[in-house]
PDB file of all heavy atoms in Angstrom:
ATOM      1  N   GLU A   1       1.939   0.823   8.250  1.00  0.00           N
ATOM      2  CA  GLU A   1       3.096   1.284   7.475  1.00  0.00           C
ATOM      3  C   GLU A   1       3.071   0.711   6.059  1.00  0.00           C
ATOM      4  O   GLU A   1       3.386   1.415   5.085  1.00  0.00           O
ATOM      5  CB  GLU A   1       4.385   0.885   8.181  1.00  0.00           C
ATOM      6  CG  GLU A   1       4.648   1.632   9.473  1.00  0.00           C
ATOM      7  CD  GLU A   1       5.960   1.231  10.119  1.00  0.00           C
ATOM      8  OE1 GLU A   1       6.709   0.443   9.491  1.00  0.00           O
ATOM      9  OE2 GLU A   1       6.240   1.690  11.245  1.00  0.00           O
ATOM     10  N   ALA A   2       2.695  -0.552   5.932  1.00  0.00           N
ATOM     11  CA  ALA A   2       2.643  -1.176   4.604  1.00  0.00           C
ATOM     12  C   ALA A   2       1.565  -0.535   3.749  1.00  0.00           C
ATOM     13  O   ALA A   2       1.767  -0.269   2.550  1.00  0.00           O
ATOM     14  CB  ALA A   2       2.381  -2.676   4.745  1.00  0.00           C
ATOM     15  N   GLU A   3       0.410  -0.270   4.350  1.00  0.00           N
ATOM     16  CA  GLU A   3      -0.667   0.371   3.593  1.00  0.00           C
ATOM     17  C   GLU A   3      -0.277   1.784   3.185  1.00  0.00           C
ATOM     18  O   GLU A   3      -0.547   2.221   2.057  1.00  0.00           O
ATOM     19  CB  GLU A   3      -1.940   0.394   4.436  1.00  0.00           C
ATOM     20  CG  GLU A   3      -3.166   0.847   3.665  1.00  0.00           C
ATOM     21  CD  GLU A   3      -4.444   0.720   4.472  1.00  0.00           C
ATOM     22  OE1 GLU A   3      -4.374   0.295   5.649  1.00  0.00           O
ATOM     23  OE2 GLU A   3      -5.513   1.047   3.927  1.00  0.00           O
ATOM     24  N   ALA A   4       0.387   2.513   4.095  1.00  0.00           N
ATOM     25  CA  ALA A   4       0.846   3.862   3.767  1.00  0.00           C
ATOM     26  C   ALA A   4       1.880   3.835   2.645  1.00  0.00           C
ATOM     27  O   ALA A   4       1.895   4.723   1.774  1.00  0.00           O
ATOM     28  CB  ALA A   4       1.434   4.526   5.010  1.00  0.00           C
ATOM     29  N   ALA A   5       2.736   2.809   2.639  1.00  0.00           N
ATOM     30  CA  ALA A   5       3.740   2.690   1.581  1.00  0.00           C
ATOM     31  C   ALA A   5       3.083   2.513   0.219  1.00  0.00           C
ATOM     32  O   ALA A   5       3.520   3.089  -0.781  1.00  0.00           O
ATOM     33  CB  ALA A   5       4.671   1.512   1.874  1.00  0.00           C
ATOM     34  N   LEU A   6       2.015   1.715   0.168  1.00  0.00           N
ATOM     35  CA  LEU A   6       1.304   1.521  -1.104  1.00  0.00           C
ATOM     36  C   LEU A   6       0.596   2.795  -1.541  1.00  0.00           C
ATOM     37  O   LEU A   6       0.590   3.133  -2.735  1.00  0.00           O
ATOM     38  CB  LEU A   6       0.292   0.380  -0.952  1.00  0.00           C
ATOM     39  CG  LEU A   6       0.892  -1.028  -0.815  1.00  0.00           C
ATOM     40  CD1 LEU A   6      -0.195  -2.038  -0.497  1.00  0.00           C
ATOM     41  CD2 LEU A   6       1.628  -1.426  -2.090  1.00  0.00           C
ATOM     42  N   LEU A   7       0.007   3.517  -0.602  1.00  0.00           N
ATOM     43  CA  LEU A   7      -0.663   4.781  -0.947  1.00  0.00           C
ATOM     44  C   LEU A   7       0.340   5.810  -1.465  1.00  0.00           C
ATOM     45  O   LEU A   7       0.077   6.518  -2.450  1.00  0.00           O
ATOM     46  CB  LEU A   7      -1.402   5.323   0.270  1.00  0.00           C
ATOM     47  CG  LEU A   7      -2.625   4.513   0.732  1.00  0.00           C
ATOM     48  CD1 LEU A   7      -3.161   5.058   2.051  1.00  0.00           C
ATOM     49  CD2 LEU A   7      -3.724   4.540  -0.333  1.00  0.00           C
ATOM     50  N   ASP A   8       1.497   5.903  -0.807  1.00  0.00           N
ATOM     51  CA  ASP A   8       2.532   6.845  -1.260  1.00  0.00           C
ATOM     52  C   ASP A   8       3.052   6.455  -2.644  1.00  0.00           C
ATOM     53  O   ASP A   8       3.304   7.321  -3.496  1.00  0.00           O
ATOM     54  CB  ASP A   8       3.697   6.868  -0.263  1.00  0.00           C
ATOM     55  CG  ASP A   8       3.295   7.464   1.078  1.00  0.00           C
ATOM     56  OD1 ASP A   8       2.261   8.151   1.124  1.00  0.00           O
ATOM     57  OD2 ASP A   8       4.021   7.223   2.069  1.00  0.00           O
ATOM     58  N   SER A   9       3.236   5.162  -2.863  1.00  0.00           N
ATOM     59  CA  SER A   9       3.723   4.696  -4.157  1.00  0.00           C
ATOM     60  C   SER A   9       2.736   5.029  -5.271  1.00  0.00           C
ATOM     61  O   SER A   9       3.131   5.501  -6.346  1.00  0.00           O
ATOM     62  CB  SER A   9       3.968   3.188  -4.106  1.00  0.00           C
ATOM     63  OG  SER A   9       4.398   2.699  -5.359  1.00  0.00           O
ATOM     64  N   ALA A  10       1.463   4.796  -5.010  1.00  0.00           N
ATOM     65  CA  ALA A  10       0.447   5.104  -6.019  1.00  0.00           C
ATOM     66  C   ALA A  10       0.410   6.599  -6.331  1.00  0.00           C
ATOM     67  O   ALA A  10       0.270   7.002  -7.492  1.00  0.00           O
ATOM     68  CB  ALA A  10      -0.923   4.631  -5.537  1.00  0.00           C
ATOM     69  N   GLU A  11       0.579   7.421  -5.289  1.00  0.00           N
ATOM     70  CA  GLU A  11       0.562   8.868  -5.493  1.00  0.00           C
ATOM     71  C   GLU A  11       1.763   9.316  -6.327  1.00  0.00           C
ATOM     72  O   GLU A  11       1.630  10.171  -7.221  1.00  0.00           O
ATOM     73  CB  GLU A  11       0.556   9.573  -4.138  1.00  0.00           C
ATOM     74  CG  GLU A  11       0.500  11.086  -4.204  1.00  0.00           C
ATOM     75  CD  GLU A  11      -0.785  11.610  -4.838  1.00  0.00           C
ATOM     76  OE1 GLU A  11      -1.798  10.866  -4.821  1.00  0.00           O
ATOM     77  OE2 GLU A  11      -0.775  12.740  -5.356  1.00  0.00           O
ATOM     78  N   ARG A  12       2.947   8.754  -6.061  1.00  0.00           N
ATOM     79  CA  ARG A  12       4.131   9.119  -6.851  1.00  0.00           C
ATOM     80  C   ARG A  12       3.953   8.719  -8.316  1.00  0.00           C
ATOM     81  O   ARG A  12       4.346   9.478  -9.231  1.00  0.00           O
ATOM     82  CB  ARG A  12       5.374   8.449  -6.266  1.00  0.00           C
ATOM     83  CG  ARG A  12       5.878   9.057  -4.986  1.00  0.00           C
ATOM     84  CD  ARG A  12       7.281   8.564  -4.649  1.00  0.00           C
ATOM     85  NE  ARG A  12       7.308   7.130  -4.417  1.00  0.00           N
ATOM     86  CZ  ARG A  12       7.132   6.565  -3.224  1.00  0.00           C
ATOM     87  NH1 ARG A  12       6.912   7.323  -2.166  1.00  0.00           N
ATOM     88  NH2 ARG A  12       7.180   5.255  -3.086  1.00  0.00           N
ATOM     89  N   LEU A  13       3.393   7.557  -8.537  1.00  0.00           N
ATOM     90  CA  LEU A  13       3.193   7.100  -9.914  1.00  0.00           C
ATOM     91  C   LEU A  13       2.189   7.974 -10.644  1.00  0.00           C
ATOM     92  O   LEU A  13       2.352   8.264 -11.837  1.00  0.00           O
ATOM     93  CB  LEU A  13       2.728   5.639  -9.913  1.00  0.00           C
ATOM     94  CG  LEU A  13       3.787   4.623  -9.453  1.00  0.00           C
ATOM     95  CD1 LEU A  13       3.163   3.244  -9.286  1.00  0.00           C
ATOM     96  CD2 LEU A  13       4.937   4.547 -10.464  1.00  0.00           C
ATOM     97  N   ARG A  14       1.154   8.409  -9.949  1.00  0.00           N
ATOM     98  CA  ARG A  14       0.172   9.301 -10.593  1.00  0.00           C
ATOM     99  C   ARG A  14       0.807  10.637 -10.958  1.00  0.00           C
ATOM    100  O   ARG A  14       0.550  11.182 -12.041  1.00  0.00           O
ATOM    101  CB  ARG A  14      -1.025   9.509  -9.660  1.00  0.00           C
ATOM    102  CG  ARG A  14      -2.051   8.382  -9.714  1.00  0.00           C
ATOM    103  CD  ARG A  14      -3.337   8.763  -9.018  1.00  0.00           C
ATOM    104  NE  ARG A  14      -3.152   8.860  -7.580  1.00  0.00           N
ATOM    105  CZ  ARG A  14      -3.363   7.869  -6.732  1.00  0.00           C
ATOM    106  NH1 ARG A  14      -3.756   6.695  -7.193  1.00  0.00           N
ATOM    107  NH2 ARG A  14      -3.181   8.039  -5.440  1.00  0.00           N
ATOM    108  N   LYS A  15       1.624  11.178 -10.050  1.00  0.00           N
ATOM    109  CA  LYS A  15       2.295  12.449 -10.337  1.00  0.00           C
ATOM    110  C   LYS A  15       3.267  12.316 -11.506  1.00  0.00           C
ATOM    111  O   LYS A  15       3.504  13.285 -12.241  1.00  0.00           O
ATOM    112  CB  LYS A  15       3.034  12.938  -9.105  1.00  0.00           C
ATOM    113  CG  LYS A  15       2.109  13.419  -7.992  1.00  0.00           C
ATOM    114  CD  LYS A  15       2.910  13.938  -6.807  1.00  0.00           C
ATOM    115  CE  LYS A  15       1.984  14.462  -5.715  1.00  0.00           C
ATOM    116  NZ  LYS A  15       2.730  14.964  -4.535  1.00  0.00           N
ATOM    117  N   ALA A  16       3.814  11.101 -11.687  1.00  0.00           N
ATOM    118  CA  ALA A  16       4.731  10.865 -12.803  1.00  0.00           C
ATOM    119  C   ALA A  16       3.991  10.530 -14.087  1.00  0.00           C
ATOM    120  O   ALA A  16       4.632  10.267 -15.114  1.00  0.00           O
ATOM    121  CB  ALA A  16       5.694   9.732 -12.450  1.00  0.00           C
ATOM    122  N   GLY A  17       2.677  10.522 -14.038  1.00  0.00           N
ATOM    123  CA  GLY A  17       1.879  10.240 -15.230  1.00  0.00           C
ATOM    124  C   GLY A  17       1.713   8.770 -15.544  1.00  0.00           C
ATOM    125  O   GLY A  17       1.204   8.410 -16.606  1.00  0.00           O
ATOM    126  N   GLN A  18       2.116   7.890 -14.621  1.00  0.00           N
ATOM    127  CA  GLN A  18       1.998   6.447 -14.844  1.00  0.00           C
ATOM    128  C   GLN A  18       0.687   5.944 -14.220  1.00  0.00           C
ATOM    129  O   GLN A  18       0.667   5.275 -13.190  1.00  0.00           O
ATOM    130  CB  GLN A  18       3.198   5.724 -14.244  1.00  0.00           C
ATOM    131  CG  GLN A  18       4.536   6.201 -14.798  1.00  0.00           C
ATOM    132  CD  GLN A  18       5.713   5.475 -14.175  1.00  0.00           C
ATOM    133  OE1 GLN A  18       5.664   4.263 -13.935  1.00  0.00           O
ATOM    134  NE2 GLN A  18       6.786   6.200 -13.904  1.00  0.00           N
ATOM    135  N   MET A  19      -0.409   6.288 -14.854  1.00  0.00           N
ATOM    136  CA  MET A  19      -1.732   6.001 -14.300  1.00  0.00           C
ATOM    137  C   MET A  19      -1.999   4.502 -14.209  1.00  0.00           C
ATOM    138  O   MET A  19      -2.603   4.033 -13.247  1.00  0.00           O
ATOM    139  CB  MET A  19      -2.799   6.687 -15.153  1.00  0.00           C
ATOM    140  CG  MET A  19      -2.678   8.200 -15.175  1.00  0.00           C
ATOM    141  SD  MET A  19      -2.753   8.886 -13.487  1.00  0.00           S
ATOM    142  CE  MET A  19      -2.506  10.628 -13.819  1.00  0.00           C
ATOM    143  N   GLU A  20      -1.581   3.750 -15.196  1.00  0.00           N
ATOM    144  CA  GLU A  20      -1.850   2.318 -15.190  1.00  0.00           C
ATOM    145  C   GLU A  20      -1.096   1.625 -14.050  1.00  0.00           C
ATOM    146  O   GLU A  20      -1.641   0.747 -13.356  1.00  0.00           O
ATOM    147  CB  GLU A  20      -1.430   1.704 -16.525  1.00  0.00           C
ATOM    148  CG  GLU A  20      -1.984   0.314 -16.775  1.00  0.00           C
ATOM    149  CD  GLU A  20      -3.496   0.289 -16.850  1.00  0.00           C
ATOM    150  OE1 GLU A  20      -4.096   1.296 -17.273  1.00  0.00           O
ATOM    151  OE2 GLU A  20      -4.077  -0.752 -16.452  1.00  0.00           O
ATOM    152  N   ALA A  21       0.166   2.032 -13.845  1.00  0.00           N
ATOM    153  CA  ALA A  21       0.955   1.456 -12.751  1.00  0.00           C
ATOM    154  C   ALA A  21       0.355   1.837 -11.406  1.00  0.00           C
ATOM    155  O   ALA A  21       0.331   1.029 -10.470  1.00  0.00           O
ATOM    156  CB  ALA A  21       2.403   1.929 -12.842  1.00  0.00           C
ATOM    157  N   ALA A  22      -0.160   3.078 -11.290  1.00  0.00           N
ATOM    158  CA  ALA A  22      -0.781   3.520 -10.045  1.00  0.00           C
ATOM    159  C   ALA A  22      -2.031   2.698  -9.736  1.00  0.00           C
ATOM    160  O   ALA A  22      -2.298   2.353  -8.581  1.00  0.00           O
ATOM    161  CB  ALA A  22      -1.126   4.998 -10.124  1.00  0.00           C
ATOM    162  N   LYS A  23      -2.800   2.360 -10.772  1.00  0.00           N
ATOM    163  CA  LYS A  23      -4.000   1.540 -10.567  1.00  0.00           C
ATOM    164  C   LYS A  23      -3.632   0.144 -10.073  1.00  0.00           C
ATOM    165  O   LYS A  23      -4.327  -0.432  -9.237  1.00  0.00           O
ATOM    166  CB  LYS A  23      -4.785   1.449 -11.879  1.00  0.00           C
ATOM    167  CG  LYS A  23      -5.486   2.740 -12.277  1.00  0.00           C
ATOM    168  CD  LYS A  23      -6.263   2.552 -13.572  1.00  0.00           C
ATOM    169  CE  LYS A  23      -6.965   3.841 -13.984  1.00  0.00           C
ATOM    170  NZ  LYS A  23      -7.703   3.671 -15.262  1.00  0.00           N
ATOM    171  N   LYS A  24      -2.531  -0.403 -10.590  1.00  0.00           N
ATOM    172  CA  LYS A  24      -2.097  -1.734 -10.144  1.00  0.00           C
ATOM    173  C   LYS A  24      -1.693  -1.713  -8.668  1.00  0.00           C
ATOM    174  O   LYS A  24      -1.983  -2.651  -7.924  1.00  0.00           O
ATOM    175  CB  LYS A  24      -0.927  -2.210 -11.003  1.00  0.00           C
ATOM    176  CG  LYS A  24      -1.316  -2.565 -12.432  1.00  0.00           C
ATOM    177  CD  LYS A  24      -0.115  -3.083 -13.200  1.00  0.00           C
ATOM    178  CE  LYS A  24      -0.504  -3.476 -14.622  1.00  0.00           C
ATOM    179  NZ  LYS A  24       0.656  -3.982 -15.397  1.00  0.00           N
ATOM    180  N   VAL A  25      -1.017  -0.646  -8.240  1.00  0.00           N
ATOM    181  CA  VAL A  25      -0.628  -0.529  -6.843  1.00  0.00           C
ATOM    182  C   VAL A  25      -1.855  -0.430  -5.956  1.00  0.00           C
ATOM    183  O   VAL A  25      -1.943  -1.068  -4.899  1.00  0.00           O
ATOM    184  CB  VAL A  25       0.289   0.690  -6.635  1.00  0.00           C
ATOM    185  CG1 VAL A  25       0.561   0.910  -5.145  1.00  0.00           C
ATOM    186  CG2 VAL A  25       1.603   0.506  -7.379  1.00  0.00           C
ATOM    187  N   GLU A  26      -2.839   0.362  -6.383  1.00  0.00           N
ATOM    188  CA  GLU A  26      -4.071   0.504  -5.607  1.00  0.00           C
ATOM    189  C   GLU A  26      -4.822  -0.816  -5.528  1.00  0.00           C
ATOM    190  O   GLU A  26      -5.361  -1.180  -4.480  1.00  0.00           O
ATOM    191  CB  GLU A  26      -4.952   1.590  -6.227  1.00  0.00           C
ATOM    192  CG  GLU A  26      -6.254   1.841  -5.496  1.00  0.00           C
ATOM    193  CD  GLU A  26      -6.053   2.302  -4.065  1.00  0.00           C
ATOM    194  OE1 GLU A  26      -4.982   2.881  -3.769  1.00  0.00           O
ATOM    195  OE2 GLU A  26      -6.959   2.067  -3.243  1.00  0.00           O
ATOM    196  N   GLN A  27      -4.838  -1.566  -6.621  1.00  0.00           N
ATOM    197  CA  GLN A  27      -5.498  -2.864  -6.620  1.00  0.00           C
ATOM    198  C   GLN A  27      -4.761  -3.846  -5.695  1.00  0.00           C
ATOM    199  O   GLN A  27      -5.397  -4.657  -5.004  1.00  0.00           O
ATOM    200  CB  GLN A  27      -5.555  -3.418  -8.046  1.00  0.00           C
ATOM    201  CG  GLN A  27      -6.313  -4.728  -8.177  1.00  0.00           C
ATOM    202  CD  GLN A  27      -7.768  -4.598  -7.788  1.00  0.00           C
ATOM    203  OE1 GLN A  27      -8.376  -3.548  -7.936  1.00  0.00           O
ATOM    204  NE2 GLN A  27      -8.328  -5.686  -7.268  1.00  0.00           N
ATOM    205  N   THR A  28      -3.442  -3.745  -5.687  1.00  0.00           N
ATOM    206  CA  THR A  28      -2.658  -4.584  -4.774  1.00  0.00           C
ATOM    207  C   THR A  28      -3.022  -4.299  -3.321  1.00  0.00           C
ATOM    208  O   THR A  28      -3.167  -5.218  -2.508  1.00  0.00           O
ATOM    209  CB  THR A  28      -1.159  -4.339  -4.987  1.00  0.00           C
ATOM    210  OG1 THR A  28      -0.790  -4.733  -6.316  1.00  0.00           O
ATOM    211  CG2 THR A  28      -0.320  -5.119  -3.981  1.00  0.00           C
ATOM    212  N   ARG A  29      -3.184  -3.019  -2.993  1.00  0.00           N
ATOM    213  CA  ARG A  29      -3.553  -2.643  -1.623  1.00  0.00           C
ATOM    214  C   ARG A  29      -4.915  -3.223  -1.240  1.00  0.00           C
ATOM    215  O   ARG A  29      -5.100  -3.765  -0.139  1.00  0.00           O
ATOM    216  CB  ARG A  29      -3.578  -1.124  -1.477  1.00  0.00           C
ATOM    217  CG  ARG A  29      -3.827  -0.633  -0.048  1.00  0.00           C
ATOM    218  CD  ARG A  29      -3.944   0.876  -0.017  1.00  0.00           C
ATOM    219  NE  ARG A  29      -5.172   1.322  -0.649  1.00  0.00           N
ATOM    220  CZ  ARG A  29      -6.358   1.389  -0.040  1.00  0.00           C
ATOM    221  NH1 ARG A  29      -6.473   1.033   1.232  1.00  0.00           N
ATOM    222  NH2 ARG A  29      -7.420   1.811  -0.684  1.00  0.00           N
ATOM    223  N   ILE A  30      -5.874  -3.123  -2.141  1.00  0.00           N
ATOM    224  CA  ILE A  30      -7.217  -3.627  -1.865  1.00  0.00           C
ATOM    225  C   ILE A  30      -7.193  -5.138  -1.656  1.00  0.00           C
ATOM    226  O   ILE A  30      -7.793  -5.668  -0.718  1.00  0.00           O
ATOM    227  CB  ILE A  30      -8.171  -3.249  -3.017  1.00  0.00           C
ATOM    228  CG1 ILE A  30      -8.350  -1.725  -3.067  1.00  0.00           C
ATOM    229  CG2 ILE A  30      -9.519  -3.937  -2.851  1.00  0.00           C
ATOM    230  CD1 ILE A  30      -9.139  -1.245  -4.263  1.00  0.00           C
ATOM    231  N   GLU A  31      -6.479  -5.849  -2.518  1.00  0.00           N
ATOM    232  CA  GLU A  31      -6.426  -7.311  -2.413  1.00  0.00           C
ATOM    233  C   GLU A  31      -5.660  -7.759  -1.170  1.00  0.00           C
ATOM    234  O   GLU A  31      -6.018  -8.767  -0.548  1.00  0.00           O
ATOM    235  CB  GLU A  31      -5.769  -7.890  -3.673  1.00  0.00           C
ATOM    236  CG  GLU A  31      -6.599  -7.701  -4.932  1.00  0.00           C
ATOM    237  CD  GLU A  31      -5.889  -8.199  -6.172  1.00  0.00           C
ATOM    238  OE1 GLU A  31      -4.706  -8.614  -6.045  1.00  0.00           O
ATOM    239  OE2 GLU A  31      -6.491  -8.165  -7.269  1.00  0.00           O
ATOM    240  N   ALA A  32      -4.617  -7.006  -0.798  1.00  0.00           N
ATOM    241  CA  ALA A  32      -3.819  -7.393   0.362  1.00  0.00           C
ATOM    242  C   ALA A  32      -4.589  -7.242   1.667  1.00  0.00           C
ATOM    243  O   ALA A  32      -4.266  -7.913   2.660  1.00  0.00           O
ATOM    244  CB  ALA A  32      -2.546  -6.551   0.418  1.00  0.00           C
ATOM    245  N   LEU A  33      -5.605  -6.396   1.694  1.00  0.00           N
ATOM    246  CA  LEU A  33      -6.388  -6.177   2.903  1.00  0.00           C
ATOM    247  C   LEU A  33      -7.568  -7.137   3.018  1.00  0.00           C
ATOM    248  O   LEU A  33      -8.327  -7.070   3.993  1.00  0.00           O
ATOM    249  CB  LEU A  33      -6.896  -4.734   2.945  1.00  0.00           C
ATOM    250  CG  LEU A  33      -5.814  -3.656   3.150  1.00  0.00           C
ATOM    251  CD1 LEU A  33      -6.417  -2.270   2.991  1.00  0.00           C
ATOM    252  CD2 LEU A  33      -5.161  -3.802   4.516  1.00  0.00           C
ATOM    253  N   GLN A  34      -7.727  -8.019   2.074  1.00  0.00           N
ATOM    254  CA  GLN A  34      -8.845  -8.969   2.120  1.00  0.00           C
ATOM    255  C   GLN A  34      -8.554 -10.081   3.130  1.00  0.00           C
ATOM    256  O   GLN A  34      -7.435 -10.563   3.240  1.00  0.00           O
ATOM    257  CB  GLN A  34      -9.089  -9.563   0.736  1.00  0.00           C
ATOM    258  CG  GLN A  34      -9.587  -8.554  -0.285  1.00  0.00           C
ATOM    259  CD  GLN A  34      -9.726  -9.139  -1.681  1.00  0.00           C
ATOM    260  OE1 GLN A  34      -9.516 -10.331  -1.882  1.00  0.00           O
ATOM    261  NE2 GLN A  34     -10.098  -8.314  -2.634  1.00  0.00           N
ATOM    262  N   ARG A  35      -9.584 -10.486   3.871  1.00  0.00           N
ATOM    263  CA  ARG A  35      -9.494 -11.561   4.852  1.00  0.00           C
ATOM    264  C   ARG A  35     -10.677 -12.495   4.642  1.00  0.00           C
ATOM    265  O   ARG A  35     -11.827 -12.059   4.610  1.00  0.00           O
ATOM    266  CB  ARG A  35      -9.540 -11.011   6.283  1.00  0.00           C
ATOM    267  CG  ARG A  35      -8.560  -9.864   6.540  1.00  0.00           C
ATOM    268  CD  ARG A  35      -7.150 -10.365   6.682  1.00  0.00           C
ATOM    269  NE  ARG A  35      -6.216  -9.280   6.979  1.00  0.00           N
ATOM    270  CZ  ARG A  35      -5.299  -8.824   6.158  1.00  0.00           C
ATOM    271  NH1 ARG A  35      -5.191  -9.343   4.939  1.00  0.00           N
ATOM    272  NH2 ARG A  35      -4.490  -7.854   6.511  1.00  0.00           N
ATOM    273  N   ASP A  36     -10.385 -13.775   4.532  1.00  0.00           N
ATOM    274  CA  ASP A  36     -11.468 -14.740   4.328  1.00  0.00           C
ATOM    275  C   ASP A  36     -12.379 -14.842   5.537  1.00  0.00           C
ATOM    276  O   ASP A  36     -13.596 -14.969   5.401  1.00  0.00           O
ATOM    277  CB  ASP A  36     -10.888 -16.120   3.995  1.00  0.00           C
ATOM    278  CG  ASP A  36     -10.360 -16.193   2.573  1.00  0.00           C
ATOM    279  OD1 ASP A  36     -10.557 -15.222   1.816  1.00  0.00           O
ATOM    280  OD2 ASP A  36      -9.731 -17.209   2.217  1.00  0.00           O
ATOM    281  N   LEU A  37     -11.798 -14.799   6.751  1.00  0.00           N
ATOM    282  CA  LEU A  37     -12.612 -14.956   7.954  1.00  0.00           C
ATOM    283  C   LEU A  37     -11.974 -14.202   9.115  1.00  0.00           C
ATOM    284  O   LEU A  37     -10.780 -14.330   9.369  1.00  0.00           O
ATOM    285  CB  LEU A  37     -12.755 -16.441   8.322  1.00  0.00           C
ATOM    286  CG  LEU A  37     -13.611 -16.772   9.546  1.00  0.00           C
ATOM    287  CD1 LEU A  37     -15.058 -16.350   9.329  1.00  0.00           C
ATOM    288  CD2 LEU A  37     -13.539 -18.265   9.862  1.00  0.00           C
ATOM    289  N   VAL A  38     -12.798 -13.414   9.805  1.00  0.00           N
ATOM    290  CA  VAL A  38     -12.372 -12.704  11.008  1.00  0.00           C
ATOM    291  C   VAL A  38     -13.413 -12.965  12.087  1.00  0.00           C
ATOM    292  O   VAL A  38     -14.611 -12.788  11.859  1.00  0.00           O
ATOM    293  CB  VAL A  38     -12.241 -11.178  10.770  1.00  0.00           C
ATOM    294  CG1 VAL A  38     -11.855 -10.468  12.072  1.00  0.00           C
ATOM    295  CG2 VAL A  38     -11.218 -10.892   9.680  1.00  0.00           C
TER     296      VAL A  38
END
């Protein structure tokens, strides 16, 4: 659900023409999924 929320947010920002904000949301998603050890 959290990952879907970030994807939806990035899509809304892109549709609104806020490309830079959308990139930050996408980068947040990538960093949040990082795990040091599994």
